Amino acid sequence: MTGTVSNQLPAWEERWHPLREEWVVVAAHRQARPWSGETLGAVAGHEKPAYDPTCYLCPSNARSSGGHNPAYTGAYVFDNDHPGMGPDAPTELEAPPPPYRNRRADGHARVVCYNPRHDLTLAEMSEEQIGEVVRVWQQETHDLGHRSGVRHVLAFENKGEVVGVSNTHPHGQIYATNFVFKTIETELDASVRHHNETGRKLMDDIITAEQADGRRVLYEDEHSIAFLPYFARYAYETYVAPKRTVPHVYHLSDAETLSLARALKHVTVCFDNLWQMSFPYVMPLHQAPTDGGDFRAFGFFIAFHPPLRFPNTLKYLAGPEIGGGNFLADTQPEAKAAELMAVPTIHYKQAGGGNDP
C-alpha cells in the first residue's frame, strides 16, 4: 500500500497562511505518534451500482420532496429540497437584546448531480464529463450571482460518509446567499491588502512561489496548476487554480475550462490511487463576492480538504484548532505531495479494466 510517512522528518515550524492571515503549526513528527483513539472501519466502502432505485438523485427516481427527477443524461441541477436558506425566509424577525443581532437567511440552495451514474465520482468520470460539471458551476455562479440580493455564490462538494454526506450519489451543492462567507471575506481582505502593498495579485504570487519550489506541484499545464500549498493544514490539502487570476469560475475561457477539468481529474485520481479507495474530501470553490464590487485582486481557486491522515484515521480538530484558533498540521506538505506524485495517474479501477465511464 502506498502512502507512508517514512519520508517525513521531525519538524517544529510555523508557516504563514497568506490567504487566511494566520499561522499554521507544522509538527510532522506527530503523524507517527501512538494512536489508541477511534479508527474508521471499512473506509473504502463497498462497490456501488450504476443505478440505485432507492436513491433520491438517480435519474427518473422519486425525491424526498415527492417530485421526480427527469431521465437526465448529463449533469443535472435542481433546487434543494431541504435548503439551508431560501427566498421565502421570514422578513420580520424578533429583534434580540443588545449586543445580539439577527437577520433573515435569504438566498438560493441548489443541488448538482454530476452524472446519472450512481457509481461515478469525479475521479472516475472522463475529462469531458468533468468539464460539463465545471460549465454548470460557471452558469450557476453567473446566473445566481446576478440575482437581486445575492452577494456570494458558494459551490462545494462533500464526498464520503466520514464528512457527513447524506447521499452517496456523486453530487455537489450551490449556496447563493445574501451574505459573504467568512473565509471568502478573510481571503478578499488579504488579497486586496497584498495588491495595495505590492501591486501584485496574491494568488499570482502563491502560484509563482509553488512553481519556484516545485516539490508540492502535482499537476501543471499551460492554463492550470494543482499543488499542496506550503501552508497546507490538512495532510493532503490541495489547491487547483487557473494560472490566469480571475475572480470567478465563469471568467475562464473554453481552453482554461478544459484545462481545469484535466487538473481536477489528475488530482482526484491521485487521491483514489493513494490507498486504492474512494477518497473523501470537502471541496469548495473559492470565488469573489457577486455584489458588483471591484474584485480584480481576488484569485479564484478550488480547494480540496481531505479529512484522513491514514486510510482509517481522521484529522481531528481539537485544542489548538477549536480552542486556540490555529491549525496544528501533523504532516509536511512536501512529504504528502511526494506520496501523491508517486501513484499512477490512471484510476486503479480503470487500470484493472473495470468500471469504465
Protein backbone atom coordinates (compact mmCIF):
# COMPACT_ATOMS: atom_id res chain seq x y z
CA MET A 1 0.00 0.00 0.00
CA THR A 2 1.27 3.46 -0.89
CA GLY A 3 1.11 6.48 1.39
CA THR A 4 3.67 6.06 4.15
CA VAL A 5 5.27 8.56 6.49
CA SER A 6 8.87 7.38 6.16
CA ASN A 7 9.92 10.49 4.25
CA GLN A 8 8.80 12.90 6.95
CA LEU A 9 11.44 14.40 9.18
CA PRO A 10 10.73 15.74 12.66
CA ALA A 11 9.73 19.37 12.39
CA TRP A 12 8.58 22.15 14.66
CA GLU A 13 7.75 25.02 12.39
CA GLU A 14 5.18 27.74 11.88
CA ARG A 15 4.13 28.56 8.33
CA TRP A 16 2.24 31.72 7.42
CA HIS A 17 -1.06 31.20 5.59
CA PRO A 18 -1.23 34.35 3.41
CA LEU A 19 -4.86 33.91 2.38
CA ARG A 20 -6.21 33.39 5.90
CA GLU A 21 -3.52 35.59 7.51
CA GLU A 22 -2.82 33.15 10.31
CA TRP A 23 -0.09 30.77 11.39
CA VAL A 24 -0.21 27.03 10.75
CA VAL A 25 1.89 24.98 13.18
CA VAL A 26 3.72 22.12 11.40
CA ALA A 27 4.64 19.26 13.73
CA ALA A 28 5.09 16.42 11.26
CA HIS A 29 6.65 14.04 13.77
CA ARG A 30 3.23 13.75 15.40
CA GLN A 31 1.95 11.72 12.44
CA ALA A 32 3.79 8.65 13.76
CA ARG A 33 2.66 9.09 17.36
CA PRO A 34 0.99 6.09 19.05
CA TRP A 35 -2.75 6.08 18.37
CA SER A 36 -5.29 4.27 20.51
CA GLY A 37 -8.21 6.52 19.61
CA GLU A 38 -11.01 5.93 17.16
CA THR A 39 -10.22 4.32 13.81
CA LEU A 40 -12.60 4.04 10.91
CA GLY A 41 -13.71 0.65 9.73
CA ALA A 42 -14.12 -0.11 6.02
CA VAL A 43 -13.31 3.43 4.92
CA ALA A 44 -13.05 2.24 1.35
CA GLY A 45 -16.73 1.37 1.47
CA HIS A 46 -18.38 -1.05 -0.94
CA GLU A 47 -18.90 -1.08 -4.67
CA LYS A 48 -21.95 0.91 -5.71
CA PRO A 49 -24.33 0.02 -8.53
CA ALA A 50 -24.56 2.19 -11.64
CA TYR A 51 -28.21 2.79 -10.75
CA ASP A 52 -29.87 2.64 -7.33
CA PRO A 53 -33.69 2.53 -7.37
CA THR A 54 -33.78 3.87 -3.79
CA CYS A 55 -31.53 6.89 -4.48
CA TYR A 56 -33.20 10.30 -4.43
CA LEU A 57 -30.70 11.61 -7.01
CA CYS A 58 -30.66 8.88 -9.67
CA PRO A 59 -32.48 9.60 -12.97
CA SER A 60 -36.27 9.12 -13.01
CA ASN A 61 -36.39 8.37 -9.27
CA ALA A 62 -38.68 9.99 -6.73
CA ARG A 63 -37.09 12.61 -4.50
CA SER A 64 -37.77 13.12 -0.82
CA SER A 65 -39.97 16.11 -1.69
CA GLY A 66 -42.34 13.89 -3.66
CA GLY A 67 -41.19 15.16 -7.07
CA HIS A 68 -39.36 13.07 -9.65
CA ASN A 69 -36.04 13.52 -11.40
CA PRO A 70 -36.11 13.56 -15.18
CA ALA A 71 -34.26 10.86 -17.09
CA TYR A 72 -31.22 13.11 -17.22
CA THR A 73 -28.14 12.05 -19.19
CA GLY A 74 -25.53 14.60 -18.08
CA ALA A 75 -25.06 16.97 -15.17
CA TYR A 76 -28.42 17.83 -13.61
CA VAL A 77 -29.24 20.84 -11.39
CA PHE A 78 -32.32 21.39 -9.24
CA ASP A 79 -33.44 23.44 -6.22
CA ASN A 80 -32.52 21.74 -2.96
CA ASP A 81 -35.50 20.01 -1.33
CA HIS A 82 -34.05 20.79 2.11
CA PRO A 83 -32.41 24.22 1.70
CA GLY A 84 -30.39 25.91 4.41
CA MET A 85 -31.68 29.28 3.22
CA GLY A 86 -34.29 30.47 0.77
CA PRO A 87 -36.22 33.38 -0.76
CA ASP A 88 -39.19 32.54 1.48
CA ALA A 89 -37.24 33.25 4.67
CA PRO A 90 -39.27 35.34 7.16
CA THR A 91 -38.93 39.07 6.56
CA GLU A 92 -39.93 40.04 10.09
CA LEU A 93 -37.80 38.68 12.90
CA GLU A 94 -37.99 39.38 16.60
CA ALA A 95 -35.00 41.54 17.47
CA PRO A 96 -32.83 40.12 20.27
CA PRO A 97 -31.50 42.38 23.03
CA PRO A 98 -28.09 44.07 22.51
CA PRO A 99 -25.40 43.12 21.84
CA TYR A 100 -27.08 40.36 19.83
CA ARG A 101 -28.21 40.78 16.22
CA ASN A 102 -30.05 38.68 13.67
CA ARG A 103 -31.10 38.81 10.01
CA ARG A 104 -33.04 36.61 7.59
CA ALA A 105 -31.21 33.77 5.88
CA ASP A 106 -32.14 34.75 2.34
CA GLY A 107 -30.79 33.03 -0.75
CA HIS A 108 -30.98 30.00 -3.01
CA ALA A 109 -29.77 26.43 -2.47
CA ARG A 110 -29.25 24.09 -5.45
CA VAL A 111 -28.01 20.54 -5.97
CA VAL A 112 -25.74 19.48 -8.84
CA CYS A 113 -25.81 15.80 -9.80
CA TYR A 114 -22.50 15.30 -11.59
CA ASN A 115 -23.59 12.35 -13.69
CA PRO A 116 -26.58 9.99 -14.00
CA ARG A 117 -24.45 7.05 -12.86
CA HIS A 118 -24.70 6.42 -9.15
CA ASP A 119 -21.18 4.96 -9.01
CA LEU A 120 -19.11 7.58 -10.85
CA THR A 121 -17.16 10.08 -8.77
CA LEU A 122 -15.15 12.92 -10.31
CA ALA A 123 -12.09 10.68 -10.26
CA GLU A 124 -13.85 8.08 -12.40
CA MET A 125 -15.51 10.48 -14.82
CA SER A 126 -13.93 11.48 -18.12
CA GLU A 127 -12.32 14.89 -18.56
CA GLU A 128 -15.23 15.85 -20.82
CA GLN A 129 -17.76 14.89 -18.13
CA ILE A 130 -15.84 16.87 -15.51
CA GLY A 131 -15.77 19.78 -17.95
CA GLU A 132 -19.56 19.65 -18.05
CA VAL A 133 -19.64 19.98 -14.25
CA VAL A 134 -17.29 22.98 -14.43
CA ARG A 135 -19.58 24.60 -17.00
CA VAL A 136 -22.52 24.08 -14.63
CA TRP A 137 -20.54 25.87 -11.91
CA GLN A 138 -19.87 28.68 -14.37
CA GLN A 139 -23.50 29.05 -15.44
CA GLU A 140 -24.94 28.79 -11.94
CA THR A 141 -22.41 31.21 -10.46
CA HIS A 142 -23.16 33.75 -13.19
CA ASP A 143 -26.95 33.39 -13.08
CA LEU A 144 -27.40 33.15 -9.31
CA GLY A 145 -24.77 35.81 -8.68
CA HIS A 146 -26.69 38.29 -10.78
CA ARG A 147 -29.95 37.78 -8.90
CA SER A 148 -31.17 40.60 -6.71
CA GLY A 149 -29.96 40.32 -3.13
CA VAL A 150 -27.31 37.66 -3.80
CA ARG A 151 -23.88 38.72 -2.58
CA HIS A 152 -21.94 35.48 -2.92
CA VAL A 153 -22.14 32.06 -4.57
CA LEU A 154 -20.51 29.09 -2.84
CA ALA A 155 -20.28 25.83 -4.81
CA PHE A 156 -18.95 22.82 -2.94
CA GLU A 157 -18.90 19.04 -2.67
CA ASN A 158 -18.93 16.91 0.47
CA LYS A 159 -17.60 13.50 -0.55
CA GLY A 160 -17.64 10.44 1.68
CA GLU A 161 -19.54 9.26 4.71
CA VAL A 162 -16.75 10.45 7.03
CA VAL A 163 -17.53 14.08 6.16
CA GLY A 164 -21.24 13.53 6.74
CA VAL A 165 -22.56 13.32 3.18
CA SER A 166 -26.24 12.32 3.25
CA ASN A 167 -26.42 10.75 -0.22
CA THR A 168 -23.58 8.88 -1.90
CA HIS A 169 -24.68 9.67 -5.46
CA PRO A 170 -21.84 11.93 -6.71
CA HIS A 171 -23.14 15.46 -6.37
CA GLY A 172 -22.34 18.93 -5.10
CA GLN A 173 -24.29 21.87 -3.79
CA ILE A 174 -24.52 25.59 -4.51
CA TYR A 175 -25.47 28.27 -1.98
CA ALA A 176 -26.29 31.75 -3.28
CA THR A 177 -26.55 33.93 -0.20
CA ASN A 178 -27.33 37.44 1.00
CA PHE A 179 -24.01 37.42 2.84
CA VAL A 180 -20.38 36.61 2.06
CA PHE A 181 -18.97 33.53 3.78
CA LYS A 182 -16.32 34.34 6.40
CA THR A 183 -13.43 32.53 4.68
CA ILE A 184 -14.02 34.49 1.48
CA GLU A 185 -14.15 37.76 3.41
CA THR A 186 -10.81 36.94 5.02
CA GLU A 187 -9.20 35.92 1.72
CA LEU A 188 -10.57 39.00 -0.04
CA ASP A 189 -9.19 41.33 2.63
CA ALA A 190 -5.79 39.63 2.41
CA SER A 191 -5.81 39.79 -1.40
CA VAL A 192 -6.72 43.48 -1.51
CA ARG A 193 -4.12 44.37 1.11
CA HIS A 194 -1.42 42.40 -0.73
CA HIS A 195 -2.29 44.10 -4.02
CA ASN A 196 -2.23 47.55 -2.45
CA GLU A 197 1.14 46.89 -0.83
CA THR A 198 2.91 45.12 -3.71
CA GLY A 199 0.97 45.89 -6.88
CA ARG A 200 0.70 42.13 -7.44
CA LYS A 201 -2.13 39.65 -7.01
CA LEU A 202 -1.76 37.33 -4.04
CA MET A 203 -2.76 34.17 -5.92
CA ASP A 204 -0.23 35.02 -8.65
CA ASP A 205 2.49 35.21 -6.03
CA ILE A 206 1.38 31.95 -4.38
CA ILE A 207 1.49 30.14 -7.74
CA THR A 208 4.89 31.66 -8.56
CA ALA A 209 6.26 30.52 -5.20
CA GLU A 210 4.93 26.99 -5.71
CA GLN A 211 6.43 26.83 -9.21
CA ALA A 212 9.78 28.04 -7.91
CA ASP A 213 9.85 25.37 -5.20
CA GLY A 214 8.32 22.62 -7.31
CA ARG A 215 8.16 19.94 -4.62
CA ARG A 216 4.45 20.36 -3.98
CA VAL A 217 3.19 20.74 -7.57
CA LEU A 218 1.02 17.76 -8.54
CA TYR A 219 -0.11 18.94 -11.98
CA GLU A 220 0.64 21.80 -14.34
CA ASP A 221 -0.18 22.61 -17.94
CA GLU A 222 -0.49 25.79 -19.97
CA HIS A 223 -3.55 27.06 -18.12
CA SER A 224 -3.87 25.32 -14.73
CA ILE A 225 -1.81 24.20 -11.76
CA ALA A 226 -2.52 21.90 -8.80
CA PHE A 227 -0.41 21.86 -5.65
CA LEU A 228 -0.31 21.18 -1.94
CA PRO A 229 0.22 24.69 -0.60
CA TYR A 230 3.25 25.48 1.56
CA PHE A 231 0.81 26.32 4.35
CA ALA A 232 -1.46 23.25 3.99
CA ARG A 233 -3.43 22.46 7.12
CA TYR A 234 -4.80 19.02 6.25
CA ALA A 235 -2.44 16.20 5.28
CA TYR A 236 -3.45 16.08 1.61
CA GLU A 237 -4.93 19.57 1.22
CA THR A 238 -4.67 20.55 -2.44
CA TYR A 239 -5.39 23.70 -4.45
CA VAL A 240 -6.39 23.68 -8.12
CA ALA A 241 -6.15 27.10 -9.75
CA PRO A 242 -6.09 28.72 -13.17
CA LYS A 243 -2.78 30.39 -13.92
CA ARG A 244 -4.61 33.49 -15.13
CA THR A 245 -6.03 35.03 -11.99
CA VAL A 246 -9.78 35.61 -12.26
CA PRO A 247 -12.32 36.33 -9.51
CA HIS A 248 -14.98 33.83 -10.62
CA VAL A 249 -15.05 30.48 -12.40
CA TYR A 250 -17.19 31.85 -15.24
CA HIS A 251 -14.37 34.17 -16.34
CA LEU A 252 -12.40 31.18 -17.64
CA SER A 253 -12.10 30.66 -21.39
CA ASP A 254 -13.09 27.38 -23.03
CA ALA A 255 -9.44 26.28 -23.10
CA GLU A 256 -9.00 27.20 -19.42
CA THR A 257 -12.19 25.33 -18.51
CA LEU A 258 -10.97 22.13 -20.16
CA SER A 259 -7.58 22.57 -18.51
CA LEU A 260 -9.24 22.92 -15.10
CA ALA A 261 -11.17 19.70 -15.77
CA ARG A 262 -7.90 17.90 -16.58
CA ALA A 263 -6.34 19.16 -13.36
CA LEU A 264 -9.36 18.05 -11.31
CA LYS A 265 -9.22 14.63 -12.96
CA HIS A 266 -5.50 14.29 -12.19
CA VAL A 267 -5.83 15.29 -8.55
CA THR A 268 -8.86 13.13 -7.76
CA VAL A 269 -7.31 10.09 -9.46
CA CYS A 270 -4.15 10.56 -7.38
CA PHE A 271 -6.30 10.74 -4.25
CA ASP A 272 -8.11 7.49 -5.04
CA ASN A 273 -4.93 5.69 -6.11
CA LEU A 274 -3.09 6.62 -2.92
CA TRP A 275 -4.90 3.98 -0.87
CA GLN A 276 -7.00 2.40 -3.65
CA MET A 277 -10.26 3.68 -2.23
CA SER A 278 -12.77 6.39 -2.95
CA PHE A 279 -11.00 9.29 -1.23
CA PRO A 280 -13.22 11.54 0.95
CA TYR A 281 -12.89 15.31 0.96
CA VAL A 282 -14.64 18.65 1.24
CA MET A 283 -14.16 20.62 -1.98
CA PRO A 284 -15.23 24.30 -2.03
CA LEU A 285 -14.84 26.76 -4.90
CA HIS A 286 -13.26 29.95 -3.56
CA GLN A 287 -14.83 32.77 -5.53
CA ALA A 288 -15.16 36.51 -5.02
CA PRO A 289 -18.48 38.05 -3.97
CA THR A 290 -21.03 38.83 -6.67
CA ASP A 291 -22.35 42.13 -5.34
CA GLY A 292 -20.77 44.32 -8.03
CA GLY A 293 -17.59 45.32 -6.19
CA ASP A 294 -14.08 45.56 -7.59
CA PHE A 295 -12.63 42.10 -7.04
CA ARG A 296 -9.76 42.11 -9.52
CA ALA A 297 -7.27 41.36 -6.73
CA PHE A 298 -9.03 38.11 -5.80
CA GLY A 299 -7.97 34.82 -7.36
CA PHE A 300 -10.50 32.02 -7.86
CA PHE A 301 -9.33 28.54 -6.91
CA ILE A 302 -10.70 25.15 -5.89
CA ALA A 303 -9.57 23.63 -2.60
CA PHE A 304 -9.64 20.00 -1.50
CA HIS A 305 -9.72 19.40 2.25
CA PRO A 306 -9.39 15.62 2.79
CA PRO A 307 -10.07 14.64 6.41
CA LEU A 308 -7.88 11.50 6.52
CA ARG A 309 -4.29 11.18 7.74
CA PHE A 310 -4.24 7.43 7.14
CA PRO A 311 -6.79 5.18 5.43
CA ASN A 312 -8.62 4.71 8.72
CA THR A 313 -7.61 7.77 10.76
CA LEU A 314 -9.18 11.21 10.68
CA LYS A 315 -7.51 14.56 11.27
CA TYR A 316 -9.37 15.69 14.37
CA LEU A 317 -9.83 19.33 15.24
CA ALA A 318 -9.11 19.68 18.93
CA GLY A 319 -7.43 22.06 21.39
CA PRO A 320 -5.13 24.07 19.06
CA GLU A 321 -7.71 24.32 16.27
CA ILE A 322 -11.01 24.73 18.09
CA GLY A 323 -9.70 26.15 21.33
CA GLY A 324 -6.72 28.14 20.12
CA GLY A 325 -7.89 29.04 16.63
CA ASN A 326 -4.76 27.88 14.76
CA PHE A 327 -4.26 24.62 12.90
CA LEU A 328 -1.65 22.15 14.07
CA ALA A 329 -0.67 20.16 10.97
CA ASP A 330 0.52 16.62 11.67
CA THR A 331 2.27 16.34 8.30
CA GLN A 332 4.63 18.19 6.00
CA PRO A 333 3.11 19.24 2.65
CA GLU A 334 6.31 18.25 0.84
CA ALA A 335 6.08 14.67 2.11
CA LYS A 336 2.37 14.34 1.31
CA ALA A 337 2.90 15.77 -2.18
CA ALA A 338 5.65 13.20 -2.76
CA GLU A 339 3.23 10.42 -1.86
CA LEU A 340 0.65 11.66 -4.34
CA MET A 341 3.26 12.16 -7.07
CA ALA A 342 4.36 8.54 -6.69
CA VAL A 343 0.99 6.98 -7.55
CA PRO A 344 -0.16 6.08 -11.09
CA THR A 345 -2.29 8.63 -12.94
CA ILE A 346 -4.73 6.05 -14.34
CA HIS A 347 -7.51 5.27 -11.88
CA TYR A 348 -6.88 1.94 -10.18
CA LYS A 349 -10.33 0.62 -11.17
CA GLN A 350 -9.88 1.56 -14.81
CA ALA A 351 -6.34 0.22 -14.81
CA GLY A 352 -7.87 -3.09 -13.86
CA GLY A 353 -10.27 -2.89 -16.76
CA GLY A 354 -13.45 -2.26 -14.82
CA ASN A 355 -15.99 0.50 -14.20
CA ASP A 356 -15.33 2.46 -17.40
CA PRO A 357 -17.45 5.62 -17.62
